[in-house]
């Protein structure tokens, strides 16, 4: 082989190698639990700025919503990762033998809250049980409401159904109502009303939220892929909160045309103000942090509330911490000068 041919062969091999690096992306489908919004921002950030791609992942975000329940698709293999709510559904999965596991917790605090009218005697969480009317959704009545009764003395006789219409609450200044702390205050303020926001998380409702679930099989057979997805997602969240998130927000608005710039900015502000994402264990171990003692603490509270019986759930199968608590992405926050 002459020098020209050898040089040409080397160039072709280099081109093929480059093509492999560029195009050999592992396809991942990540299902969310609702339509695109700022509360999903870090995942869209990791798509928009190429973080997933640099990890060798081709990530598709499949929106949830009122007509799309992504939860069953995880166990059947139609999606690879799922954005879940809090730990209650994860407990249910394990109890019912569904082979899924939580691999990260993006929100250190569940954004679920109770709203009250200012100046009506319900400015402290300890006062809320005295309210004559509490508007709580059907799902809420069978979950956090049971804990509110067991831990804080709320009573069923004060309960009225919340059907996601704020008019009854607005009309009754002595009432309280459930709400999602990083979204509904924005729409209420647009109506000229600024509610008092009482986070359940600040009053003992110790679940993680916006968790990432995957199949236990993938943890066993593809741990490197799981680690890449988690690492890239956590980097995405740091960049979304502390960097340039404009491209991610454009993706969110394209996926969900009902999302506005004002809503997105307001939600980001509330996530930071209420310490939803970057607080607690995340301050030392990074966003996504979890520990099994806290999972047990929350489960014990749910047993006391009557949602489970002791021994219903094998807690060793609910979460794995092998992919988190590694401080991934914390350098981004440091470079942004945020403490």
C-alpha atoms as a PDB file:
ATOM      1  CA  UNK A   1       0.000   0.000   0.000  1.00  0.00           C
ATOM      2  CA  UNK A   2       1.481   3.344  -0.972  1.00  0.00           C
ATOM      3  CA  UNK A   3       1.557   6.382   1.282  1.00  0.00           C
ATOM      4  CA  UNK A   4      -1.399   8.010  -0.503  1.00  0.00           C
ATOM      5  CA  UNK A   5      -3.575   4.932  -0.046  1.00  0.00           C
ATOM      6  CA  UNK A   6      -2.610   4.587   3.598  1.00  0.00           C
ATOM      7  CA  UNK A   7      -3.388   8.245   4.264  1.00  0.00           C
ATOM      8  CA  UNK A   8      -6.731   7.889   2.502  1.00  0.00           C
ATOM      9  CA  UNK A   9      -7.587   4.787   4.561  1.00  0.00           C
ATOM     10  CA  UNK A  10      -6.754   6.581   7.793  1.00  0.00           C
ATOM     11  CA  UNK A  11      -8.965   9.497   6.772  1.00  0.00           C
ATOM     12  CA  UNK A  12     -11.874   7.174   5.986  1.00  0.00           C
ATOM     13  CA  UNK A  13     -11.492   5.382   9.322  1.00  0.00           C
ATOM     14  CA  UNK A  14     -11.441   8.707  11.130  1.00  0.00           C
ATOM     15  CA  UNK A  15     -14.600   9.768   9.297  1.00  0.00           C
ATOM     16  CA  UNK A  16     -16.358   6.535  10.215  1.00  0.00           C
ATOM     17  CA  UNK A  17     -15.280   6.909  13.834  1.00  0.00           C
ATOM     18  CA  UNK A  18     -16.584  10.475  13.894  1.00  0.00           C
ATOM     19  CA  UNK A  19     -19.873   9.347  12.375  1.00  0.00           C
ATOM     20  CA  UNK A  20     -20.224   6.711  15.080  1.00  0.00           C
ATOM     21  CA  UNK A  21     -19.733   9.302  17.800  1.00  0.00           C
ATOM     22  CA  UNK A  22     -22.181  11.676  16.171  1.00  0.00           C
ATOM     23  CA  UNK A  23     -24.959   9.316  15.138  1.00  0.00           C
ATOM     24  CA  UNK A  24     -24.820   6.322  17.502  1.00  0.00           C
ATOM     25  CA  UNK A  25     -27.346   7.771  19.934  1.00  0.00           C
ATOM     26  CA  UNK A  26     -29.348   5.434  22.174  1.00  0.00           C
ATOM     27  CA  UNK A  27     -33.053   6.142  21.806  1.00  0.00           C
ATOM     28  CA  UNK A  28     -34.839   7.001  25.073  1.00  0.00           C
ATOM     29  CA  UNK A  29     -38.503   7.901  25.594  1.00  0.00           C
ATOM     30  CA  UNK A  30     -39.236   9.886  28.743  1.00  0.00           C
ATOM     31  CA  UNK A  31     -42.890  10.283  29.663  1.00  0.00           C
ATOM     32  CA  UNK A  32     -44.062  13.229  31.759  1.00  0.00           C
ATOM     33  CA  UNK A  33     -47.150  13.297  33.948  1.00  0.00           C
ATOM     34  CA  UNK A  34     -48.742  16.415  32.461  1.00  0.00           C
ATOM     35  CA  UNK A  35     -48.441  18.942  29.672  1.00  0.00           C
ATOM     36  CA  UNK A  36     -45.140  20.798  29.223  1.00  0.00           C
ATOM     37  CA  UNK A  37     -44.479  23.478  31.825  1.00  0.00           C
ATOM     38  CA  UNK A  38     -41.685  25.076  33.830  1.00  0.00           C
ATOM     39  CA  UNK A  39     -41.971  22.286  36.388  1.00  0.00           C
ATOM     40  CA  UNK A  40     -40.570  20.018  33.670  1.00  0.00           C
ATOM     41  CA  UNK A  41     -38.013  22.575  32.561  1.00  0.00           C
ATOM     42  CA  UNK A  42     -34.766  20.776  33.311  1.00  0.00           C
ATOM     43  CA  UNK A  43     -35.653  17.894  31.021  1.00  0.00           C
ATOM     44  CA  UNK A  44     -36.476  20.217  28.133  1.00  0.00           C
ATOM     45  CA  UNK A  45     -33.250  22.086  28.873  1.00  0.00           C
ATOM     46  CA  UNK A  46     -31.204  18.908  28.490  1.00  0.00           C
ATOM     47  CA  UNK A  47     -32.795  18.335  25.076  1.00  0.00           C
ATOM     48  CA  UNK A  48     -32.524  21.948  23.945  1.00  0.00           C
ATOM     49  CA  UNK A  49     -28.871  22.502  24.863  1.00  0.00           C
ATOM     50  CA  UNK A  50     -27.690  19.077  23.710  1.00  0.00           C
ATOM     51  CA  UNK A  51     -26.799  17.634  27.115  1.00  0.00           C
ATOM     52  CA  UNK A  52     -28.588  14.349  26.458  1.00  0.00           C
ATOM     53  CA  UNK A  53     -26.995  14.130  23.041  1.00  0.00           C
ATOM     54  CA  UNK A  54     -23.519  14.645  24.479  1.00  0.00           C
ATOM     55  CA  UNK A  55     -24.234  11.723  26.796  1.00  0.00           C
ATOM     56  CA  UNK A  56     -25.022   9.558  23.771  1.00  0.00           C
ATOM     57  CA  UNK A  57     -28.785   9.667  24.262  1.00  0.00           C
ATOM     58  CA  UNK A  58     -31.513  10.559  21.778  1.00  0.00           C
ATOM     59  CA  UNK A  59     -34.266  11.582  24.199  1.00  0.00           C
ATOM     60  CA  UNK A  60     -37.874  12.062  23.199  1.00  0.00           C
ATOM     61  CA  UNK A  61     -40.146  13.710  25.768  1.00  0.00           C
ATOM     62  CA  UNK A  62     -43.670  12.290  25.581  1.00  0.00           C
ATOM     63  CA  UNK A  63     -46.116  14.650  27.246  1.00  0.00           C
ATOM     64  CA  UNK A  64     -48.747  13.471  29.653  1.00  0.00           C
ATOM     65  CA  UNK A  65     -52.032  15.265  30.038  1.00  0.00           C
ATOM     66  CA  UNK A  66     -55.758  14.853  30.569  1.00  0.00           C
ATOM     67  CA  UNK A  67     -56.041  12.392  27.682  1.00  0.00           C
ATOM     68  CA  UNK A  68     -52.652  10.704  28.061  1.00  0.00           C
ATOM     69  CA  UNK A  69     -51.673   8.629  31.094  1.00  0.00           C
ATOM     70  CA  UNK A  70     -48.047   7.616  30.609  1.00  0.00           C
ATOM     71  CA  UNK A  71     -47.836   5.553  33.813  1.00  0.00           C
ATOM     72  CA  UNK A  72     -48.956   2.188  32.344  1.00  0.00           C
ATOM     73  CA  UNK A  73     -46.544   2.645  29.435  1.00  0.00           C
ATOM     74  CA  UNK A  74     -43.482   2.349  31.673  1.00  0.00           C
ATOM     75  CA  UNK A  75     -44.166  -1.155  32.924  1.00  0.00           C
ATOM     76  CA  UNK A  76     -45.060  -2.356  29.416  1.00  0.00           C
ATOM     77  CA  UNK A  77     -41.823  -1.007  27.915  1.00  0.00           C
ATOM     78  CA  UNK A  78     -43.437   1.650  25.712  1.00  0.00           C
ATOM     79  CA  UNK A  79     -41.445   4.328  27.528  1.00  0.00           C
ATOM     80  CA  UNK A  80     -38.108   4.042  29.334  1.00  0.00           C
ATOM     81  CA  UNK A  81     -38.429   6.617  32.112  1.00  0.00           C
ATOM     82  CA  UNK A  82     -41.429   8.253  33.737  1.00  0.00           C
ATOM     83  CA  UNK A  83     -41.862  11.502  35.594  1.00  0.00           C
ATOM     84  CA  UNK A  84     -43.978  10.504  38.576  1.00  0.00           C
ATOM     85  CA  UNK A  85     -45.674  12.680  41.177  1.00  0.00           C
ATOM     86  CA  UNK A  86     -44.841  11.808  44.758  1.00  0.00           C
ATOM     87  CA  UNK A  87     -43.967   8.490  46.390  1.00  0.00           C
ATOM     88  CA  UNK A  88     -47.531   7.271  46.912  1.00  0.00           C
ATOM     89  CA  UNK A  89     -47.891   5.814  43.427  1.00  0.00           C
ATOM     90  CA  UNK A  90     -44.442   4.269  43.747  1.00  0.00           C
ATOM     91  CA  UNK A  91     -45.558   2.580  46.977  1.00  0.00           C
ATOM     92  CA  UNK A  92     -48.626   1.322  45.115  1.00  0.00           C
ATOM     93  CA  UNK A  93     -46.475  -0.094  42.311  1.00  0.00           C
ATOM     94  CA  UNK A  94     -44.359  -2.105  44.721  1.00  0.00           C
ATOM     95  CA  UNK A  95     -47.398  -3.226  46.714  1.00  0.00           C
ATOM     96  CA  UNK A  96     -49.032  -4.468  43.511  1.00  0.00           C
ATOM     97  CA  UNK A  97     -45.911  -6.144  42.151  1.00  0.00           C
ATOM     98  CA  UNK A  98     -45.275  -3.652  39.332  1.00  0.00           C
ATOM     99  CA  UNK A  99     -41.499  -3.861  38.691  1.00  0.00           C
ATOM    100  CA  UNK A 100     -40.599  -0.163  38.642  1.00  0.00           C
ATOM    101  CA  UNK A 101     -38.196   1.777  40.842  1.00  0.00           C
ATOM    102  CA  UNK A 102     -37.510   5.450  41.611  1.00  0.00           C
ATOM    103  CA  UNK A 103     -34.018   6.471  40.496  1.00  0.00           C
ATOM    104  CA  UNK A 104     -34.027  10.223  41.260  1.00  0.00           C
ATOM    105  CA  UNK A 105     -36.167  12.894  42.909  1.00  0.00           C
ATOM    106  CA  UNK A 106     -36.058  16.262  41.166  1.00  0.00           C
ATOM    107  CA  UNK A 107     -38.237  18.067  43.730  1.00  0.00           C
ATOM    108  CA  UNK A 108     -37.094  17.924  47.336  1.00  0.00           C
ATOM    109  CA  UNK A 109     -40.490  19.327  48.279  1.00  0.00           C
ATOM    110  CA  UNK A 110     -43.884  18.276  46.974  1.00  0.00           C
ATOM    111  CA  UNK A 111     -45.464  21.471  45.576  1.00  0.00           C
ATOM    112  CA  UNK A 112     -48.891  20.450  46.889  1.00  0.00           C
ATOM    113  CA  UNK A 113     -50.255  23.239  49.095  1.00  0.00           C
ATOM    114  CA  UNK A 114     -53.321  24.555  50.846  1.00  0.00           C
ATOM    115  CA  UNK A 115     -54.364  28.124  49.974  1.00  0.00           C
ATOM    116  CA  UNK A 116     -56.150  30.482  52.309  1.00  0.00           C
ATOM    117  CA  UNK A 117     -57.381  34.072  52.237  1.00  0.00           C
ATOM    118  CA  UNK A 118     -55.043  36.561  53.927  1.00  0.00           C
ATOM    119  CA  UNK A 119     -56.228  38.248  57.108  1.00  0.00           C
ATOM    120  CA  UNK A 120     -58.967  35.726  57.823  1.00  0.00           C
ATOM    121  CA  UNK A 121     -57.283  33.904  60.675  1.00  0.00           C
ATOM    122  CA  UNK A 122     -55.665  31.235  58.539  1.00  0.00           C
ATOM    123  CA  UNK A 123     -52.215  32.658  58.019  1.00  0.00           C
ATOM    124  CA  UNK A 124     -50.562  29.706  59.830  1.00  0.00           C
ATOM    125  CA  UNK A 125     -50.859  26.064  58.833  1.00  0.00           C
ATOM    126  CA  UNK A 126     -51.884  25.211  62.390  1.00  0.00           C
ATOM    127  CA  UNK A 127     -54.978  27.398  61.937  1.00  0.00           C
ATOM    128  CA  UNK A 128     -56.237  25.733  58.770  1.00  0.00           C
ATOM    129  CA  UNK A 129     -58.050  22.857  60.480  1.00  0.00           C
ATOM    130  CA  UNK A 130     -60.411  25.442  61.996  1.00  0.00           C
ATOM    131  CA  UNK A 131     -61.619  26.580  58.568  1.00  0.00           C
ATOM    132  CA  UNK A 132     -65.306  25.626  58.121  1.00  0.00           C
ATOM    133  CA  UNK A 133     -64.772  24.637  54.484  1.00  0.00           C
ATOM    134  CA  UNK A 134     -61.886  22.844  52.788  1.00  0.00           C
ATOM    135  CA  UNK A 135     -62.070  22.315  49.024  1.00  0.00           C
ATOM    136  CA  UNK A 136     -60.159  19.108  48.244  1.00  0.00           C
ATOM    137  CA  UNK A 137     -60.200  17.040  45.046  1.00  0.00           C
ATOM    138  CA  UNK A 138     -61.279  13.405  44.998  1.00  0.00           C
ATOM    139  CA  UNK A 139     -57.656  12.248  44.555  1.00  0.00           C
ATOM    140  CA  UNK A 140     -56.559  14.525  47.377  1.00  0.00           C
ATOM    141  CA  UNK A 141     -59.235  13.161  49.690  1.00  0.00           C
ATOM    142  CA  UNK A 142     -57.764   9.677  49.362  1.00  0.00           C
ATOM    143  CA  UNK A 143     -54.147  10.772  49.738  1.00  0.00           C
ATOM    144  CA  UNK A 144     -52.805  13.867  51.495  1.00  0.00           C
ATOM    145  CA  UNK A 145     -56.154  14.667  53.150  1.00  0.00           C
ATOM    146  CA  UNK A 146     -55.893  11.440  55.146  1.00  0.00           C
ATOM    147  CA  UNK A 147     -52.488  12.579  56.400  1.00  0.00           C
ATOM    148  CA  UNK A 148     -53.887  16.058  57.188  1.00  0.00           C
ATOM    149  CA  UNK A 149     -56.555  14.433  59.344  1.00  0.00           C
ATOM    150  CA  UNK A 150     -54.151  12.091  61.118  1.00  0.00           C
ATOM    151  CA  UNK A 151     -51.381  14.619  61.714  1.00  0.00           C
ATOM    152  CA  UNK A 152     -53.138  17.984  61.936  1.00  0.00           C
ATOM    153  CA  UNK A 153     -56.720  17.401  63.016  1.00  0.00           C
ATOM    154  CA  UNK A 154     -58.619  18.237  59.833  1.00  0.00           C
ATOM    155  CA  UNK A 155     -62.176  16.879  59.801  1.00  0.00           C
ATOM    156  CA  UNK A 156     -64.260  15.284  57.058  1.00  0.00           C
ATOM    157  CA  UNK A 157     -67.303  17.372  58.000  1.00  0.00           C
ATOM    158  CA  UNK A 158     -65.490  20.449  56.656  1.00  0.00           C
ATOM    159  CA  UNK A 159     -64.724  18.762  53.359  1.00  0.00           C
ATOM    160  CA  UNK A 160     -66.174  19.889  50.045  1.00  0.00           C
ATOM    161  CA  UNK A 161     -65.130  18.622  46.602  1.00  0.00           C
ATOM    162  CA  UNK A 162     -62.688  20.731  44.623  1.00  0.00           C
ATOM    163  CA  UNK A 163     -63.503  20.393  40.935  1.00  0.00           C
ATOM    164  CA  UNK A 164     -60.657  22.673  39.744  1.00  0.00           C
ATOM    165  CA  UNK A 165     -62.871  25.742  39.740  1.00  0.00           C
ATOM    166  CA  UNK A 166     -61.555  28.470  42.043  1.00  0.00           C
ATOM    167  CA  UNK A 167     -64.806  30.467  42.115  1.00  0.00           C
ATOM    168  CA  UNK A 168     -66.255  28.855  45.293  1.00  0.00           C
ATOM    169  CA  UNK A 169     -62.976  29.412  47.145  1.00  0.00           C
ATOM    170  CA  UNK A 170     -62.706  32.983  45.926  1.00  0.00           C
ATOM    171  CA  UNK A 171     -66.271  33.696  47.072  1.00  0.00           C
ATOM    172  CA  UNK A 172     -65.833  32.238  50.562  1.00  0.00           C
ATOM    173  CA  UNK A 173     -63.110  34.041  52.484  1.00  0.00           C
ATOM    174  CA  UNK A 174     -63.302  31.567  55.351  1.00  0.00           C
ATOM    175  CA  UNK A 175     -62.591  28.604  53.090  1.00  0.00           C
ATOM    176  CA  UNK A 176     -59.294  26.917  52.239  1.00  0.00           C
ATOM    177  CA  UNK A 177     -58.426  25.028  49.069  1.00  0.00           C
ATOM    178  CA  UNK A 178     -55.790  22.683  47.743  1.00  0.00           C
ATOM    179  CA  UNK A 179     -53.471  23.996  45.053  1.00  0.00           C
ATOM    180  CA  UNK A 180     -50.223  23.444  43.225  1.00  0.00           C
ATOM    181  CA  UNK A 181     -47.875  26.030  44.671  1.00  0.00           C
ATOM    182  CA  UNK A 182     -45.777  26.659  41.551  1.00  0.00           C
ATOM    183  CA  UNK A 183     -48.640  27.278  39.155  1.00  0.00           C
ATOM    184  CA  UNK A 184     -52.026  28.216  40.616  1.00  0.00           C
ATOM    185  CA  UNK A 185     -50.840  31.290  42.560  1.00  0.00           C
ATOM    186  CA  UNK A 186     -49.900  32.775  39.186  1.00  0.00           C
ATOM    187  CA  UNK A 187     -53.415  32.404  37.760  1.00  0.00           C
ATOM    188  CA  UNK A 188     -54.980  33.596  41.024  1.00  0.00           C
ATOM    189  CA  UNK A 189     -52.800  36.696  41.047  1.00  0.00           C
ATOM    190  CA  UNK A 190     -53.931  37.389  37.503  1.00  0.00           C
ATOM    191  CA  UNK A 191     -57.442  37.570  38.984  1.00  0.00           C
ATOM    192  CA  UNK A 192     -56.267  40.115  41.533  1.00  0.00           C
ATOM    193  CA  UNK A 193     -56.019  37.673  44.448  1.00  0.00           C
ATOM    194  CA  UNK A 194     -52.798  36.767  46.251  1.00  0.00           C
ATOM    195  CA  UNK A 195     -53.391  33.673  48.399  1.00  0.00           C
ATOM    196  CA  UNK A 196     -51.519  32.573  51.476  1.00  0.00           C
ATOM    197  CA  UNK A 197     -49.640  29.458  50.360  1.00  0.00           C
ATOM    198  CA  UNK A 198     -49.110  26.685  52.911  1.00  0.00           C
ATOM    199  CA  UNK A 199     -46.797  23.983  51.584  1.00  0.00           C
ATOM    200  CA  UNK A 200     -47.641  20.551  52.942  1.00  0.00           C
ATOM    201  CA  UNK A 201     -43.918  19.763  52.636  1.00  0.00           C
ATOM    202  CA  UNK A 202     -43.083  22.464  55.175  1.00  0.00           C
ATOM    203  CA  UNK A 203     -45.468  20.867  57.634  1.00  0.00           C
ATOM    204  CA  UNK A 204     -44.403  17.244  57.623  1.00  0.00           C
ATOM    205  CA  UNK A 205     -45.574  15.820  54.289  1.00  0.00           C
ATOM    206  CA  UNK A 206     -42.096  14.461  53.664  1.00  0.00           C
ATOM    207  CA  UNK A 207     -42.409  12.806  50.265  1.00  0.00           C
ATOM    208  CA  UNK A 208     -40.096  13.498  47.371  1.00  0.00           C
ATOM    209  CA  UNK A 209     -41.828  14.737  44.230  1.00  0.00           C
ATOM    210  CA  UNK A 210     -41.332  14.885  40.479  1.00  0.00           C
ATOM    211  CA  UNK A 211     -39.493  11.624  40.803  1.00  0.00           C
ATOM    212  CA  UNK A 212     -37.994   9.686  37.904  1.00  0.00           C
ATOM    213  CA  UNK A 213     -39.051   6.059  37.662  1.00  0.00           C
ATOM    214  CA  UNK A 214     -37.758   3.324  35.418  1.00  0.00           C
ATOM    215  CA  UNK A 215     -38.185  -0.418  35.149  1.00  0.00           C
ATOM    216  CA  UNK A 216     -36.195  -2.504  37.615  1.00  0.00           C
ATOM    217  CA  UNK A 217     -35.001  -4.492  34.605  1.00  0.00           C
ATOM    218  CA  UNK A 218     -33.228  -1.455  33.138  1.00  0.00           C
ATOM    219  CA  UNK A 219     -31.470  -0.805  36.444  1.00  0.00           C
ATOM    220  CA  UNK A 220     -30.147  -4.375  36.322  1.00  0.00           C
ATOM    221  CA  UNK A 221     -29.324  -4.653  32.625  1.00  0.00           C
ATOM    222  CA  UNK A 222     -28.496  -1.090  31.535  1.00  0.00           C
ATOM    223  CA  UNK A 223     -27.152   0.772  34.569  1.00  0.00           C
ATOM    224  CA  UNK A 224     -24.785   2.863  32.441  1.00  0.00           C
ATOM    225  CA  UNK A 225     -27.670   4.104  30.307  1.00  0.00           C
ATOM    226  CA  UNK A 226     -29.718   4.908  33.413  1.00  0.00           C
ATOM    227  CA  UNK A 227     -26.770   6.808  34.894  1.00  0.00           C
ATOM    228  CA  UNK A 228     -26.315   8.830  31.711  1.00  0.00           C
ATOM    229  CA  UNK A 229     -29.991   9.782  31.629  1.00  0.00           C
ATOM    230  CA  UNK A 230     -29.995  10.810  35.288  1.00  0.00           C
ATOM    231  CA  UNK A 231     -26.729  12.759  35.052  1.00  0.00           C
ATOM    232  CA  UNK A 232     -27.867  14.616  31.940  1.00  0.00           C
ATOM    233  CA  UNK A 233     -31.254  15.392  33.501  1.00  0.00           C
ATOM    234  CA  UNK A 234     -29.646  16.810  36.649  1.00  0.00           C
ATOM    235  CA  UNK A 235     -27.276  18.945  34.567  1.00  0.00           C
ATOM    236  CA  UNK A 236     -30.320  20.090  32.628  1.00  0.00           C
ATOM    237  CA  UNK A 237     -32.025  21.181  35.820  1.00  0.00           C
ATOM    238  CA  UNK A 238     -29.029  23.187  37.018  1.00  0.00           C
ATOM    239  CA  UNK A 239     -28.755  24.899  33.656  1.00  0.00           C
ATOM    240  CA  UNK A 240     -32.492  25.569  33.595  1.00  0.00           C
ATOM    241  CA  UNK A 241     -32.520  27.182  37.035  1.00  0.00           C
ATOM    242  CA  UNK A 242     -29.194  29.007  36.896  1.00  0.00           C
ATOM    243  CA  UNK A 243     -28.314  29.398  33.214  1.00  0.00           C
ATOM    244  CA  UNK A 244     -29.821  30.431  29.891  1.00  0.00           C
ATOM    245  CA  UNK A 245     -33.167  28.646  29.687  1.00  0.00           C
ATOM    246  CA  UNK A 246     -34.627  30.468  26.699  1.00  0.00           C
ATOM    247  CA  UNK A 247     -34.345  27.560  24.253  1.00  0.00           C
ATOM    248  CA  UNK A 248     -35.956  25.186  26.752  1.00  0.00           C
ATOM    249  CA  UNK A 249     -38.812  27.598  27.328  1.00  0.00           C
ATOM    250  CA  UNK A 250     -39.398  27.850  23.603  1.00  0.00           C
ATOM    251  CA  UNK A 251     -39.604  24.048  23.460  1.00  0.00           C
ATOM    252  CA  UNK A 252     -42.101  24.081  26.323  1.00  0.00           C
ATOM    253  CA  UNK A 253     -44.291  26.641  24.561  1.00  0.00           C
ATOM    254  CA  UNK A 254     -44.132  24.718  21.306  1.00  0.00           C
ATOM    255  CA  UNK A 255     -45.154  21.493  23.052  1.00  0.00           C
ATOM    256  CA  UNK A 256     -47.855  23.255  25.072  1.00  0.00           C
ATOM    257  CA  UNK A 257     -49.191  26.389  23.349  1.00  0.00           C
ATOM    258  CA  UNK A 258     -51.150  27.278  26.493  1.00  0.00           C
ATOM    259  CA  UNK A 259     -47.901  27.932  28.361  1.00  0.00           C
ATOM    260  CA  UNK A 260     -47.031  31.632  28.338  1.00  0.00           C
ATOM    261  CA  UNK A 261     -43.822  33.488  29.073  1.00  0.00           C
ATOM    262  CA  UNK A 262     -45.432  34.977  32.201  1.00  0.00           C
ATOM    263  CA  UNK A 263     -46.526  31.564  33.495  1.00  0.00           C
ATOM    264  CA  UNK A 264     -43.126  30.026  32.894  1.00  0.00           C
ATOM    265  CA  UNK A 265     -41.255  32.911  34.534  1.00  0.00           C
ATOM    266  CA  UNK A 266     -43.666  32.897  37.475  1.00  0.00           C
ATOM    267  CA  UNK A 267     -43.254  29.162  38.025  1.00  0.00           C
ATOM    268  CA  UNK A 268     -39.468  29.388  37.956  1.00  0.00           C
ATOM    269  CA  UNK A 269     -39.638  32.221  40.483  1.00  0.00           C
ATOM    270  CA  UNK A 270     -41.890  30.156  42.773  1.00  0.00           C
ATOM    271  CA  UNK A 271     -39.714  27.034  42.474  1.00  0.00           C
ATOM    272  CA  UNK A 272     -36.804  29.105  43.726  1.00  0.00           C
ATOM    273  CA  UNK A 273     -38.730  31.093  46.349  1.00  0.00           C
ATOM    274  CA  UNK A 274     -40.346  27.995  47.872  1.00  0.00           C
ATOM    275  CA  UNK A 275     -37.123  25.942  47.604  1.00  0.00           C
ATOM    276  CA  UNK A 276     -38.896  23.198  45.689  1.00  0.00           C
ATOM    277  CA  UNK A 277     -35.918  21.834  43.743  1.00  0.00           C
ATOM    278  CA  UNK A 278     -32.621  22.978  45.211  1.00  0.00           C
ATOM    279  CA  UNK A 279     -32.989  22.568  48.956  1.00  0.00           C
ATOM    280  CA  UNK A 280     -32.559  20.005  51.708  1.00  0.00           C
ATOM    281  CA  UNK A 281     -30.394  17.097  50.626  1.00  0.00           C
ATOM    282  CA  UNK A 282     -29.870  18.677  47.206  1.00  0.00           C
ATOM    283  CA  UNK A 283     -27.773  21.436  48.771  1.00  0.00           C
ATOM    284  CA  UNK A 284     -25.056  18.954  49.718  1.00  0.00           C
ATOM    285  CA  UNK A 285     -25.597  16.001  47.361  1.00  0.00           C
ATOM    286  CA  UNK A 286     -26.987  17.712  44.279  1.00  0.00           C
ATOM    287  CA  UNK A 287     -30.392  17.972  42.641  1.00  0.00           C
ATOM    288  CA  UNK A 288     -32.066  14.568  42.463  1.00  0.00           C
ATOM    289  CA  UNK A 289     -30.805  13.535  45.905  1.00  0.00           C
ATOM    290  CA  UNK A 290     -32.639  10.871  47.904  1.00  0.00           C
ATOM    291  CA  UNK A 291     -32.131   8.833  51.051  1.00  0.00           C
ATOM    292  CA  UNK A 292     -33.935   5.721  52.170  1.00  0.00           C
ATOM    293  CA  UNK A 293     -34.526   6.977  55.722  1.00  0.00           C
ATOM    294  CA  UNK A 294     -36.737   9.734  54.381  1.00  0.00           C
ATOM    295  CA  UNK A 295     -38.649   7.259  52.227  1.00  0.00           C
ATOM    296  CA  UNK A 296     -39.322   5.173  55.345  1.00  0.00           C
ATOM    297  CA  UNK A 297     -40.354   8.279  57.298  1.00  0.00           C
ATOM    298  CA  UNK A 298     -42.944   9.162  54.687  1.00  0.00           C
ATOM    299  CA  UNK A 299     -44.196   5.590  54.491  1.00  0.00           C
ATOM    300  CA  UNK A 300     -44.599   5.435  58.273  1.00  0.00           C
ATOM    301  CA  UNK A 301     -46.693   8.609  58.138  1.00  0.00           C
ATOM    302  CA  UNK A 302     -48.888   7.117  55.438  1.00  0.00           C
ATOM    303  CA  UNK A 303     -49.352   3.977  57.555  1.00  0.00           C
ATOM    304  CA  UNK A 304     -50.441   6.184  60.452  1.00  0.00           C
ATOM    305  CA  UNK A 305     -52.843   7.957  58.097  1.00  0.00           C
ATOM    306  CA  UNK A 306     -54.375   4.609  57.159  1.00  0.00           C
ATOM    307  CA  UNK A 307     -53.272   4.531  53.529  1.00  0.00           C
ATOM    308  CA  UNK A 308     -51.177   1.388  54.064  1.00  0.00           C
ATOM    309  CA  UNK A 309     -50.677  -1.317  56.638  1.00  0.00           C
ATOM    310  CA  UNK A 310     -47.277  -2.144  58.121  1.00  0.00           C
ATOM    311  CA  UNK A 311     -45.527  -4.554  55.773  1.00  0.00           C
ATOM    312  CA  UNK A 312     -47.705  -3.705  52.744  1.00  0.00           C
ATOM    313  CA  UNK A 313     -44.717  -2.345  50.850  1.00  0.00           C
ATOM    314  CA  UNK A 314     -41.169  -3.683  50.570  1.00  0.00           C
ATOM    315  CA  UNK A 315     -39.396  -0.341  50.855  1.00  0.00           C
ATOM    316  CA  UNK A 316     -36.160  -1.814  49.494  1.00  0.00           C
ATOM    317  CA  UNK A 317     -37.880  -1.981  46.105  1.00  0.00           C
ATOM    318  CA  UNK A 318     -39.265   1.568  46.048  1.00  0.00           C
ATOM    319  CA  UNK A 319     -36.087   3.582  45.395  1.00  0.00           C
ATOM    320  CA  UNK A 320     -32.458   3.059  44.573  1.00  0.00           C
ATOM    321  CA  UNK A 321     -29.892   5.736  45.382  1.00  0.00           C
ATOM    322  CA  UNK A 322     -27.131   4.264  43.193  1.00  0.00           C
ATOM    323  CA  UNK A 323     -27.571   6.945  40.501  1.00  0.00           C
ATOM    324  CA  UNK A 324     -27.850  10.077  42.684  1.00  0.00           C
ATOM    325  CA  UNK A 325     -26.136  11.849  45.604  1.00  0.00           C
ATOM    326  CA  UNK A 326     -23.022  12.379  43.447  1.00  0.00           C
ATOM    327  CA  UNK A 327     -23.093  16.206  43.294  1.00  0.00           C
ATOM    328  CA  UNK A 328     -23.553  16.119  39.503  1.00  0.00           C
ATOM    329  CA  UNK A 329     -24.130  19.607  38.114  1.00  0.00           C
ATOM    330  CA  UNK A 330     -23.368  21.504  41.307  1.00  0.00           C
ATOM    331  CA  UNK A 331     -20.417  23.182  39.593  1.00  0.00           C
ATOM    332  CA  UNK A 332     -22.895  24.919  37.249  1.00  0.00           C
ATOM    333  CA  UNK A 333     -24.600  26.567  40.217  1.00  0.00           C
ATOM    334  CA  UNK A 334     -21.220  27.543  41.686  1.00  0.00           C
ATOM    335  CA  UNK A 335     -20.105  29.161  38.405  1.00  0.00           C
ATOM    336  CA  UNK A 336     -23.354  31.117  38.366  1.00  0.00           C
ATOM    337  CA  UNK A 337     -22.391  32.580  41.736  1.00  0.00           C
ATOM    338  CA  UNK A 338     -25.437  31.150  43.528  1.00  0.00           C
ATOM    339  CA  UNK A 339     -25.134  29.945  47.108  1.00  0.00           C
END
